[in-house]
Amino acid sequence: MEKLKFDKHIYDTIRKNIKKYRRQKQMTSAELAELVGLSHDFIRQIESEKTAYNFSVETFYKISVALGVSLDKLIEK
C-alpha cells in the first residue's frame, strides 16, 4: 500500500488564500467577520501567519461562501 503524503502547511495555504480573496473583493477583515458572524479579532487570527490557530470546517465553509469562492480555491497552492 502506498503511503499518503499530507500537506503539513495546509492551514498556512488557507490563511493566505482567505486574505488574498478578501483583498480582491476589497473587503476588510471586519466586514468579513460581520458576514460570517465571527469577531474581527478571530478573522485577524485566522489570517495571521504568526498565530497557529486552527479553525473549524464550518468556519472555513462560511468564509468561502462570504468570499464567493469555492472551498477548493481556498486550499489551492
N, C-alpha and C. Protein backbone atom coordinates (compact mmCIF):
# COMPACT_ATOMS: atom_id res chain seq x y z
N MET A 1 0.84 -1.18 0.00
CA MET A 1 0.00 0.00 0.00
C MET A 1 0.89 1.25 0.00
N GLU A 2 0.52 2.21 -0.82
CA GLU A 2 1.29 3.44 -0.94
C GLU A 2 1.02 4.35 0.25
N LYS A 3 2.08 4.93 0.78
CA LYS A 3 1.94 5.84 1.92
C LYS A 3 1.41 7.19 1.44
N LEU A 4 0.43 7.71 2.14
CA LEU A 4 -0.16 9.00 1.77
C LEU A 4 0.75 10.15 2.20
N LYS A 5 0.74 11.19 1.40
CA LYS A 5 1.52 12.39 1.72
C LYS A 5 0.53 13.50 2.04
N PHE A 6 0.64 14.04 3.24
CA PHE A 6 -0.25 15.12 3.67
C PHE A 6 0.51 16.43 3.69
N ASP A 7 -0.18 17.48 3.34
CA ASP A 7 0.40 18.82 3.37
C ASP A 7 0.40 19.32 4.81
N LYS A 8 1.56 19.46 5.39
CA LYS A 8 1.68 19.90 6.77
C LYS A 8 1.41 21.40 6.92
N HIS A 9 1.35 22.10 5.82
CA HIS A 9 1.18 23.55 5.84
C HIS A 9 -0.17 23.97 5.26
N ILE A 10 -1.17 23.10 5.33
CA ILE A 10 -2.46 23.38 4.71
C ILE A 10 -3.12 24.61 5.32
N TYR A 11 -3.00 24.79 6.65
CA TYR A 11 -3.61 25.96 7.27
C TYR A 11 -2.95 27.25 6.77
N ASP A 12 -1.65 27.22 6.55
CA ASP A 12 -0.96 28.40 6.02
C ASP A 12 -1.47 28.74 4.62
N THR A 13 -1.68 27.73 3.80
CA THR A 13 -2.20 27.93 2.46
C THR A 13 -3.59 28.54 2.52
N ILE A 14 -4.43 28.00 3.38
CA ILE A 14 -5.80 28.51 3.50
C ILE A 14 -5.79 29.95 4.00
N ARG A 15 -4.96 30.24 5.00
CA ARG A 15 -4.86 31.61 5.54
C ARG A 15 -4.50 32.62 4.44
N LYS A 16 -3.47 32.27 3.67
CA LYS A 16 -3.01 33.17 2.60
C LYS A 16 -4.11 33.38 1.56
N ASN A 17 -4.83 32.31 1.23
CA ASN A 17 -5.89 32.41 0.22
C ASN A 17 -7.09 33.21 0.73
N ILE A 18 -7.43 33.04 1.99
CA ILE A 18 -8.53 33.84 2.55
C ILE A 18 -8.19 35.32 2.44
N LYS A 19 -6.98 35.66 2.84
CA LYS A 19 -6.55 37.06 2.79
C LYS A 19 -6.53 37.56 1.34
N LYS A 20 -6.02 36.73 0.44
CA LYS A 20 -5.93 37.12 -0.98
C LYS A 20 -7.31 37.40 -1.56
N TYR A 21 -8.24 36.47 -1.37
CA TYR A 21 -9.57 36.65 -1.95
C TYR A 21 -10.35 37.76 -1.26
N ARG A 22 -10.14 37.95 0.04
CA ARG A 22 -10.78 39.06 0.74
C ARG A 22 -10.32 40.39 0.16
N ARG A 23 -9.03 40.51 -0.05
CA ARG A 23 -8.48 41.75 -0.61
C ARG A 23 -8.94 41.97 -2.05
N GLN A 24 -9.04 40.88 -2.83
CA GLN A 24 -9.54 41.01 -4.21
C GLN A 24 -10.96 41.57 -4.23
N LYS A 25 -11.74 41.22 -3.22
CA LYS A 25 -13.11 41.73 -3.12
C LYS A 25 -13.15 43.10 -2.46
N GLN A 26 -11.97 43.63 -2.14
CA GLN A 26 -11.85 44.93 -1.47
C GLN A 26 -12.70 44.96 -0.20
N MET A 27 -12.57 43.89 0.58
CA MET A 27 -13.32 43.72 1.81
C MET A 27 -12.36 43.78 2.99
N THR A 28 -12.76 44.44 4.04
CA THR A 28 -11.92 44.46 5.24
C THR A 28 -12.16 43.19 6.04
N SER A 29 -11.24 42.89 6.93
CA SER A 29 -11.43 41.71 7.79
C SER A 29 -12.64 41.92 8.70
N ALA A 30 -12.92 43.16 9.09
CA ALA A 30 -14.10 43.46 9.91
C ALA A 30 -15.39 43.16 9.14
N GLU A 31 -15.41 43.50 7.85
CA GLU A 31 -16.58 43.22 7.01
C GLU A 31 -16.78 41.72 6.85
N LEU A 32 -15.69 40.99 6.64
CA LEU A 32 -15.78 39.53 6.52
C LEU A 32 -16.29 38.93 7.82
N ALA A 33 -15.77 39.41 8.93
CA ALA A 33 -16.20 38.92 10.24
C ALA A 33 -17.70 39.11 10.44
N GLU A 34 -18.19 40.27 10.05
CA GLU A 34 -19.63 40.55 10.19
C GLU A 34 -20.46 39.61 9.33
N LEU A 35 -20.01 39.36 8.10
CA LEU A 35 -20.75 38.47 7.20
C LEU A 35 -20.86 37.04 7.73
N VAL A 36 -19.80 36.56 8.37
CA VAL A 36 -19.80 35.16 8.83
C VAL A 36 -20.16 35.02 10.31
N GLY A 37 -20.42 36.14 10.98
CA GLY A 37 -20.85 36.07 12.37
C GLY A 37 -19.74 35.74 13.35
N LEU A 38 -18.54 36.20 13.04
CA LEU A 38 -17.40 35.98 13.92
C LEU A 38 -16.81 37.33 14.33
N SER A 39 -15.96 37.32 15.33
CA SER A 39 -15.35 38.57 15.75
C SER A 39 -14.25 38.98 14.77
N HIS A 40 -14.04 40.28 14.69
CA HIS A 40 -12.98 40.82 13.85
C HIS A 40 -11.63 40.25 14.27
N ASP A 41 -11.41 40.16 15.56
CA ASP A 41 -10.15 39.63 16.09
C ASP A 41 -9.94 38.18 15.65
N PHE A 42 -11.01 37.40 15.63
CA PHE A 42 -10.90 35.99 15.22
C PHE A 42 -10.49 35.89 13.75
N ILE A 43 -11.08 36.71 12.88
CA ILE A 43 -10.70 36.71 11.47
C ILE A 43 -9.24 37.11 11.32
N ARG A 44 -8.81 38.11 12.06
CA ARG A 44 -7.40 38.53 12.02
C ARG A 44 -6.49 37.39 12.45
N GLN A 45 -6.90 36.62 13.46
CA GLN A 45 -6.10 35.48 13.90
C GLN A 45 -6.02 34.41 12.82
N ILE A 46 -7.13 34.16 12.16
CA ILE A 46 -7.15 33.16 11.08
C ILE A 46 -6.17 33.56 9.99
N GLU A 47 -6.16 34.83 9.62
CA GLU A 47 -5.30 35.30 8.54
C GLU A 47 -3.84 35.47 8.95
N SER A 48 -3.58 35.53 10.22
CA SER A 48 -2.22 35.78 10.71
C SER A 48 -1.32 34.56 10.56
N GLU A 49 -0.14 34.78 10.04
CA GLU A 49 0.84 33.70 9.92
C GLU A 49 1.55 33.46 11.26
N LYS A 50 1.42 34.40 12.16
CA LYS A 50 2.07 34.30 13.47
C LYS A 50 1.27 33.45 14.44
N THR A 51 -0.02 33.34 14.20
CA THR A 51 -0.90 32.61 15.09
C THR A 51 -1.17 31.23 14.50
N ALA A 52 -0.86 30.22 15.24
CA ALA A 52 -1.10 28.85 14.78
C ALA A 52 -2.49 28.41 15.24
N TYR A 53 -3.51 29.16 14.82
CA TYR A 53 -4.87 28.85 15.24
C TYR A 53 -5.57 28.05 14.16
N ASN A 54 -6.09 26.91 14.54
CA ASN A 54 -6.84 26.07 13.61
C ASN A 54 -8.31 26.41 13.74
N PHE A 55 -9.02 26.37 12.64
CA PHE A 55 -10.43 26.74 12.63
C PHE A 55 -11.25 25.57 12.12
N SER A 56 -12.53 25.62 12.41
CA SER A 56 -13.42 24.51 12.08
C SER A 56 -13.78 24.48 10.60
N VAL A 57 -14.28 23.35 10.17
CA VAL A 57 -14.76 23.20 8.80
C VAL A 57 -15.94 24.14 8.57
N GLU A 58 -16.77 24.33 9.58
CA GLU A 58 -17.91 25.24 9.46
C GLU A 58 -17.43 26.67 9.19
N THR A 59 -16.41 27.11 9.93
CA THR A 59 -15.85 28.45 9.74
C THR A 59 -15.25 28.57 8.35
N PHE A 60 -14.50 27.56 7.94
CA PHE A 60 -13.89 27.51 6.61
C PHE A 60 -14.97 27.64 5.53
N TYR A 61 -16.07 26.91 5.69
CA TYR A 61 -17.17 26.95 4.73
C TYR A 61 -17.83 28.33 4.70
N LYS A 62 -18.12 28.88 5.88
CA LYS A 62 -18.77 30.20 5.94
C LYS A 62 -17.93 31.27 5.27
N ILE A 63 -16.63 31.22 5.48
CA ILE A 63 -15.73 32.20 4.86
C ILE A 63 -15.75 32.05 3.35
N SER A 64 -15.74 30.80 2.87
CA SER A 64 -15.76 30.59 1.41
C SER A 64 -17.04 31.14 0.80
N VAL A 65 -18.16 30.96 1.47
CA VAL A 65 -19.45 31.47 0.98
C VAL A 65 -19.42 33.00 0.98
N ALA A 66 -18.94 33.60 2.06
CA ALA A 66 -18.88 35.06 2.17
C ALA A 66 -17.98 35.67 1.10
N LEU A 67 -16.92 34.96 0.75
CA LEU A 67 -15.99 35.46 -0.26
C LEU A 67 -16.43 35.10 -1.68
N GLY A 68 -17.42 34.21 -1.80
CA GLY A 68 -17.87 33.78 -3.12
C GLY A 68 -16.84 32.92 -3.83
N VAL A 69 -16.09 32.15 -3.04
CA VAL A 69 -15.01 31.32 -3.56
C VAL A 69 -15.24 29.88 -3.11
N SER A 70 -15.00 28.93 -3.99
CA SER A 70 -15.20 27.53 -3.63
C SER A 70 -14.11 27.09 -2.64
N LEU A 71 -14.44 26.06 -1.88
CA LEU A 71 -13.50 25.53 -0.89
C LEU A 71 -12.20 25.09 -1.54
N ASP A 72 -12.29 24.50 -2.72
CA ASP A 72 -11.07 24.03 -3.38
C ASP A 72 -10.14 25.19 -3.76
N LYS A 73 -10.70 26.35 -4.04
CA LYS A 73 -9.87 27.53 -4.34
C LYS A 73 -9.10 27.97 -3.09
N LEU A 74 -9.71 27.80 -1.93
CA LEU A 74 -9.04 28.21 -0.69
C LEU A 74 -7.92 27.28 -0.26
N ILE A 75 -7.93 26.05 -0.77
CA ILE A 75 -6.84 25.12 -0.41
C ILE A 75 -5.79 25.00 -1.52
N GLU A 76 -6.02 25.70 -2.63
CA GLU A 76 -5.11 25.65 -3.77
C GLU A 76 -3.79 26.33 -3.46
N LYS A 77 -2.71 25.67 -3.80
CA LYS A 77 -1.37 26.24 -3.59
C LYS A 77 -1.09 27.29 -4.63
